Amino acid sequence: MKKRFKLYVDSSRYAVGACLMQESGGRDPVVAYASKLLTGSQMNWITKQDGISEIECWGVVWATRKFRCYLDKREFDVFTDHQALTWVFSAGTGNAKLARHYYGAC
């Protein structure tokens, strides 16, 4: 049986960070770390009503793409401190940008 991956993602006004771990007998050793500074236009998202949700969602999409070689065609768990993303990924959203990020991750 393949060991399950865990992807931890956190975003801020300026950057996105991710940590990929893999289950291993009660301990989850780190496989890789990644971070990326946001571009000027991405930093402008924060001033909008759903801005932080857009940045957090984009961070999850970016991290899954970054670690695609590990995660492709495998089930994995995503952890984020942004509670609204659980709603976005389970119920959908009326925000077009969030929807594009979501469908871009699939």
N, C-alpha and C. Protein backbone atom coordinates (compact mmCIF):
# COMPACT_ATOMS: atom_id res chain seq x y z
N MET A 1 0.84 -1.18 0.00
CA MET A 1 0.00 0.00 0.00
C MET A 1 0.89 1.25 0.00
N LYS A 2 0.54 2.20 -0.82
CA LYS A 2 1.31 3.44 -0.90
C LYS A 2 1.02 4.32 0.30
N LYS A 3 2.05 4.97 0.78
CA LYS A 3 1.90 5.87 1.92
C LYS A 3 1.25 7.17 1.45
N ARG A 4 0.33 7.67 2.25
CA ARG A 4 -0.44 8.86 1.91
C ARG A 4 0.37 10.14 2.14
N PHE A 5 0.20 11.09 1.22
CA PHE A 5 0.85 12.39 1.36
C PHE A 5 -0.05 13.37 2.10
N LYS A 6 0.58 14.32 2.76
CA LYS A 6 -0.11 15.42 3.42
C LYS A 6 0.51 16.71 2.91
N LEU A 7 -0.34 17.63 2.46
CA LEU A 7 0.12 18.90 1.92
C LEU A 7 -0.39 20.02 2.81
N TYR A 8 0.53 20.74 3.44
CA TYR A 8 0.19 21.87 4.29
C TYR A 8 0.47 23.15 3.51
N VAL A 9 -0.52 24.03 3.44
CA VAL A 9 -0.38 25.26 2.66
C VAL A 9 -0.84 26.44 3.51
N ASP A 10 -0.06 27.52 3.44
CA ASP A 10 -0.46 28.76 4.11
C ASP A 10 -0.08 29.93 3.22
N SER A 11 -0.95 30.92 3.19
CA SER A 11 -0.74 32.11 2.36
C SER A 11 -0.80 33.35 3.23
N SER A 12 -0.12 34.37 2.77
CA SER A 12 -0.16 35.67 3.44
C SER A 12 -0.36 36.74 2.38
N ARG A 13 -0.26 37.99 2.78
CA ARG A 13 -0.39 39.11 1.84
C ARG A 13 0.74 39.13 0.82
N TYR A 14 1.85 38.47 1.13
CA TYR A 14 3.05 38.60 0.32
C TYR A 14 3.56 37.31 -0.32
N ALA A 15 3.19 36.16 0.25
CA ALA A 15 3.78 34.91 -0.22
C ALA A 15 2.89 33.71 0.11
N VAL A 16 3.25 32.58 -0.50
CA VAL A 16 2.59 31.31 -0.24
C VAL A 16 3.69 30.33 0.16
N GLY A 17 3.39 29.51 1.16
CA GLY A 17 4.33 28.48 1.58
C GLY A 17 3.65 27.14 1.63
N ALA A 18 4.40 26.08 1.36
CA ALA A 18 3.83 24.74 1.37
C ALA A 18 4.85 23.75 1.93
N CYS A 19 4.34 22.73 2.57
CA CYS A 19 5.16 21.65 3.10
C CYS A 19 4.50 20.33 2.72
N LEU A 20 5.23 19.49 2.04
CA LEU A 20 4.73 18.18 1.65
C LEU A 20 5.33 17.14 2.58
N MET A 21 4.46 16.34 3.20
CA MET A 21 4.90 15.30 4.12
C MET A 21 4.28 13.98 3.68
N GLN A 22 4.85 12.88 4.15
CA GLN A 22 4.31 11.57 3.82
C GLN A 22 4.22 10.72 5.08
N GLU A 23 3.05 10.09 5.26
CA GLU A 23 2.84 9.26 6.44
C GLU A 23 3.87 8.14 6.49
N SER A 24 4.36 7.89 7.70
CA SER A 24 5.36 6.84 7.86
C SER A 24 5.36 6.37 9.30
N GLY A 25 4.51 5.42 9.61
CA GLY A 25 4.49 4.80 10.92
C GLY A 25 4.33 5.75 12.09
N GLY A 26 3.36 6.64 12.02
CA GLY A 26 3.09 7.56 13.11
C GLY A 26 3.87 8.86 13.04
N ARG A 27 4.89 8.89 12.22
CA ARG A 27 5.66 10.11 12.01
C ARG A 27 5.46 10.52 10.56
N ASP A 28 5.48 11.80 10.32
CA ASP A 28 5.28 12.31 8.97
C ASP A 28 6.51 13.12 8.55
N PRO A 29 7.52 12.46 8.02
CA PRO A 29 8.72 13.21 7.62
C PRO A 29 8.44 14.14 6.44
N VAL A 30 9.18 15.22 6.42
CA VAL A 30 9.05 16.20 5.33
C VAL A 30 9.67 15.63 4.06
N VAL A 31 8.94 15.76 2.97
CA VAL A 31 9.44 15.37 1.65
C VAL A 31 10.03 16.59 0.96
N ALA A 32 9.31 17.72 1.04
CA ALA A 32 9.78 18.94 0.37
C ALA A 32 9.09 20.17 0.94
N TYR A 33 9.78 21.29 0.84
CA TYR A 33 9.22 22.60 1.16
C TYR A 33 9.21 23.43 -0.12
N ALA A 34 8.29 24.39 -0.19
CA ALA A 34 8.27 25.33 -1.33
C ALA A 34 7.65 26.64 -0.87
N SER A 35 8.08 27.72 -1.49
CA SER A 35 7.48 29.02 -1.22
C SER A 35 7.56 29.87 -2.48
N LYS A 36 6.67 30.86 -2.54
CA LYS A 36 6.64 31.74 -3.71
C LYS A 36 6.12 33.10 -3.28
N LEU A 37 6.83 34.14 -3.69
CA LEU A 37 6.33 35.49 -3.48
C LEU A 37 5.18 35.76 -4.43
N LEU A 38 4.17 36.48 -3.95
CA LEU A 38 3.06 36.85 -4.82
C LEU A 38 3.50 37.97 -5.76
N THR A 39 2.90 37.99 -6.94
CA THR A 39 3.17 39.08 -7.88
C THR A 39 2.40 40.32 -7.43
N GLY A 40 2.70 41.45 -8.04
CA GLY A 40 2.00 42.69 -7.70
C GLY A 40 0.50 42.58 -7.86
N SER A 41 0.05 41.99 -8.96
CA SER A 41 -1.40 41.86 -9.18
C SER A 41 -2.03 40.90 -8.19
N GLN A 42 -1.32 39.83 -7.81
CA GLN A 42 -1.85 38.91 -6.81
C GLN A 42 -1.95 39.58 -5.45
N MET A 43 -0.99 40.43 -5.11
CA MET A 43 -1.06 41.15 -3.84
C MET A 43 -2.25 42.11 -3.82
N ASN A 44 -2.70 42.56 -4.98
CA ASN A 44 -3.87 43.44 -5.04
C ASN A 44 -5.17 42.70 -4.75
N TRP A 45 -5.17 41.37 -4.86
CA TRP A 45 -6.38 40.60 -4.56
C TRP A 45 -6.84 40.86 -3.13
N ILE A 46 -5.91 41.10 -2.23
CA ILE A 46 -6.23 41.22 -0.80
C ILE A 46 -7.18 42.38 -0.52
N THR A 47 -7.21 43.38 -1.39
CA THR A 47 -8.06 44.54 -1.15
C THR A 47 -9.51 44.28 -1.53
N LYS A 48 -9.78 43.17 -2.21
CA LYS A 48 -11.14 42.85 -2.62
C LYS A 48 -11.89 42.14 -1.49
N GLN A 49 -13.20 42.03 -1.64
CA GLN A 49 -14.03 41.41 -0.61
C GLN A 49 -13.60 39.97 -0.32
N ASP A 50 -13.40 39.16 -1.34
CA ASP A 50 -12.99 37.76 -1.15
C ASP A 50 -11.50 37.57 -1.34
N GLY A 51 -10.73 38.63 -1.21
CA GLY A 51 -9.32 38.60 -1.55
C GLY A 51 -8.50 37.55 -0.83
N ILE A 52 -8.65 37.44 0.48
CA ILE A 52 -7.84 36.47 1.21
C ILE A 52 -8.22 35.05 0.81
N SER A 53 -9.50 34.81 0.54
CA SER A 53 -9.92 33.49 0.07
C SER A 53 -9.30 33.17 -1.28
N GLU A 54 -9.22 34.17 -2.15
CA GLU A 54 -8.62 33.96 -3.47
C GLU A 54 -7.14 33.61 -3.33
N ILE A 55 -6.44 34.31 -2.46
CA ILE A 55 -5.01 34.03 -2.27
C ILE A 55 -4.81 32.64 -1.66
N GLU A 56 -5.61 32.31 -0.65
CA GLU A 56 -5.49 30.99 -0.02
C GLU A 56 -5.80 29.88 -1.02
N CYS A 57 -6.85 30.06 -1.81
CA CYS A 57 -7.22 29.06 -2.81
C CYS A 57 -6.13 28.93 -3.86
N TRP A 58 -5.63 30.07 -4.34
CA TRP A 58 -4.55 30.04 -5.33
C TRP A 58 -3.32 29.33 -4.75
N GLY A 59 -3.07 29.52 -3.46
CA GLY A 59 -1.94 28.86 -2.81
C GLY A 59 -2.06 27.35 -2.84
N VAL A 60 -3.26 26.83 -2.61
CA VAL A 60 -3.48 25.38 -2.67
C VAL A 60 -3.26 24.87 -4.09
N VAL A 61 -3.81 25.59 -5.06
CA VAL A 61 -3.63 25.19 -6.46
C VAL A 61 -2.15 25.23 -6.83
N TRP A 62 -1.46 26.30 -6.47
CA TRP A 62 -0.04 26.43 -6.77
C TRP A 62 0.75 25.27 -6.16
N ALA A 63 0.47 24.95 -4.89
CA ALA A 63 1.21 23.90 -4.20
C ALA A 63 0.96 22.53 -4.82
N THR A 64 -0.28 22.25 -5.21
CA THR A 64 -0.55 20.95 -5.85
C THR A 64 0.16 20.86 -7.19
N ARG A 65 0.23 21.95 -7.91
CA ARG A 65 0.99 21.95 -9.17
C ARG A 65 2.49 21.81 -8.92
N LYS A 66 2.98 22.49 -7.91
CA LYS A 66 4.40 22.45 -7.58
C LYS A 66 4.85 21.02 -7.25
N PHE A 67 4.01 20.30 -6.53
CA PHE A 67 4.34 18.94 -6.11
C PHE A 67 3.63 17.88 -6.94
N ARG A 68 3.26 18.23 -8.15
CA ARG A 68 2.53 17.33 -9.03
C ARG A 68 3.24 15.98 -9.20
N CYS A 69 4.56 16.00 -9.29
CA CYS A 69 5.29 14.74 -9.51
C CYS A 69 5.07 13.75 -8.36
N TYR A 70 4.77 14.23 -7.17
CA TYR A 70 4.48 13.36 -6.03
C TYR A 70 2.99 13.03 -5.93
N LEU A 71 2.14 13.99 -6.29
CA LEU A 71 0.70 13.89 -6.00
C LEU A 71 -0.14 13.40 -7.16
N ASP A 72 0.39 13.42 -8.36
CA ASP A 72 -0.39 13.08 -9.55
C ASP A 72 -0.97 11.67 -9.44
N LYS A 73 -2.27 11.57 -9.67
CA LYS A 73 -3.02 10.31 -9.67
C LYS A 73 -3.00 9.61 -8.31
N ARG A 74 -2.85 10.39 -7.25
CA ARG A 74 -2.89 9.84 -5.89
C ARG A 74 -3.82 10.66 -5.03
N GLU A 75 -4.44 10.02 -4.09
CA GLU A 75 -5.22 10.76 -3.10
C GLU A 75 -4.26 11.32 -2.06
N PHE A 76 -4.56 12.53 -1.60
CA PHE A 76 -3.72 13.17 -0.58
C PHE A 76 -4.59 14.12 0.22
N ASP A 77 -4.10 14.49 1.39
CA ASP A 77 -4.82 15.40 2.27
C ASP A 77 -4.22 16.79 2.18
N VAL A 78 -5.09 17.81 2.16
CA VAL A 78 -4.65 19.20 2.14
C VAL A 78 -5.04 19.83 3.47
N PHE A 79 -4.11 20.54 4.08
CA PHE A 79 -4.35 21.23 5.33
C PHE A 79 -4.09 22.71 5.13
N THR A 80 -5.04 23.53 5.55
CA THR A 80 -4.90 24.98 5.47
C THR A 80 -5.57 25.59 6.70
N ASP A 81 -5.14 26.77 7.06
CA ASP A 81 -5.75 27.43 8.22
C ASP A 81 -6.92 28.32 7.81
N HIS A 82 -7.30 28.27 6.55
CA HIS A 82 -8.37 29.13 6.05
C HIS A 82 -9.67 28.33 5.95
N GLN A 83 -10.54 28.47 6.94
CA GLN A 83 -11.75 27.67 7.05
C GLN A 83 -12.68 27.82 5.86
N ALA A 84 -12.71 29.00 5.24
CA ALA A 84 -13.63 29.21 4.11
C ALA A 84 -13.33 28.29 2.94
N LEU A 85 -12.10 27.82 2.80
CA LEU A 85 -11.78 26.95 1.68
C LEU A 85 -12.50 25.62 1.76
N THR A 86 -12.83 25.16 2.95
CA THR A 86 -13.58 23.91 3.04
C THR A 86 -14.94 24.07 2.38
N TRP A 87 -15.53 25.25 2.51
CA TRP A 87 -16.80 25.53 1.86
C TRP A 87 -16.63 25.61 0.34
N VAL A 88 -15.59 26.28 -0.11
CA VAL A 88 -15.35 26.44 -1.54
C VAL A 88 -15.22 25.09 -2.21
N PHE A 89 -14.45 24.18 -1.61
CA PHE A 89 -14.19 22.90 -2.24
C PHE A 89 -15.33 21.90 -2.05
N SER A 90 -16.22 22.13 -1.10
CA SER A 90 -17.32 21.18 -0.91
C SER A 90 -18.63 21.67 -1.52
N ALA A 91 -18.94 22.95 -1.41
CA ALA A 91 -20.25 23.45 -1.85
C ALA A 91 -20.20 24.29 -3.10
N GLY A 92 -19.04 24.72 -3.50
CA GLY A 92 -18.93 25.60 -4.66
C GLY A 92 -18.93 27.05 -4.23
N THR A 93 -18.82 27.93 -5.21
CA THR A 93 -18.74 29.35 -4.90
C THR A 93 -19.33 30.16 -6.03
N GLY A 94 -19.80 31.36 -5.70
CA GLY A 94 -20.28 32.29 -6.71
C GLY A 94 -19.16 33.18 -7.21
N ASN A 95 -17.98 33.07 -6.63
CA ASN A 95 -16.84 33.88 -7.03
C ASN A 95 -16.16 33.21 -8.22
N ALA A 96 -16.16 33.88 -9.36
CA ALA A 96 -15.64 33.29 -10.60
C ALA A 96 -14.15 32.94 -10.49
N LYS A 97 -13.37 33.79 -9.84
CA LYS A 97 -11.93 33.51 -9.73
C LYS A 97 -11.68 32.28 -8.86
N LEU A 98 -12.41 32.15 -7.75
CA LEU A 98 -12.25 30.96 -6.92
C LEU A 98 -12.66 29.71 -7.69
N ALA A 99 -13.73 29.80 -8.46
CA ALA A 99 -14.16 28.65 -9.26
C ALA A 99 -13.10 28.26 -10.28
N ARG A 100 -12.47 29.24 -10.93
CA ARG A 100 -11.40 28.93 -11.89
C ARG A 100 -10.22 28.26 -11.20
N HIS A 101 -9.85 28.74 -10.02
CA HIS A 101 -8.76 28.11 -9.27
C HIS A 101 -9.12 26.67 -8.93
N TYR A 102 -10.35 26.47 -8.46
CA TYR A 102 -10.79 25.13 -8.07
C TYR A 102 -10.74 24.18 -9.26
N TYR A 103 -11.34 24.58 -10.37
CA TYR A 103 -11.37 23.69 -11.52
C TYR A 103 -10.00 23.54 -12.16
N GLY A 104 -9.13 24.52 -11.95
CA GLY A 104 -7.76 24.39 -12.43
C GLY A 104 -6.97 23.36 -11.65
N ALA A 105 -7.39 23.11 -10.41
CA ALA A 105 -6.69 22.14 -9.57
C ALA A 105 -7.12 20.72 -9.85
N CYS A 106 -8.28 20.56 -10.45
CA CYS A 106 -8.82 19.21 -10.70
C CYS A 106 -8.17 18.55 -11.89
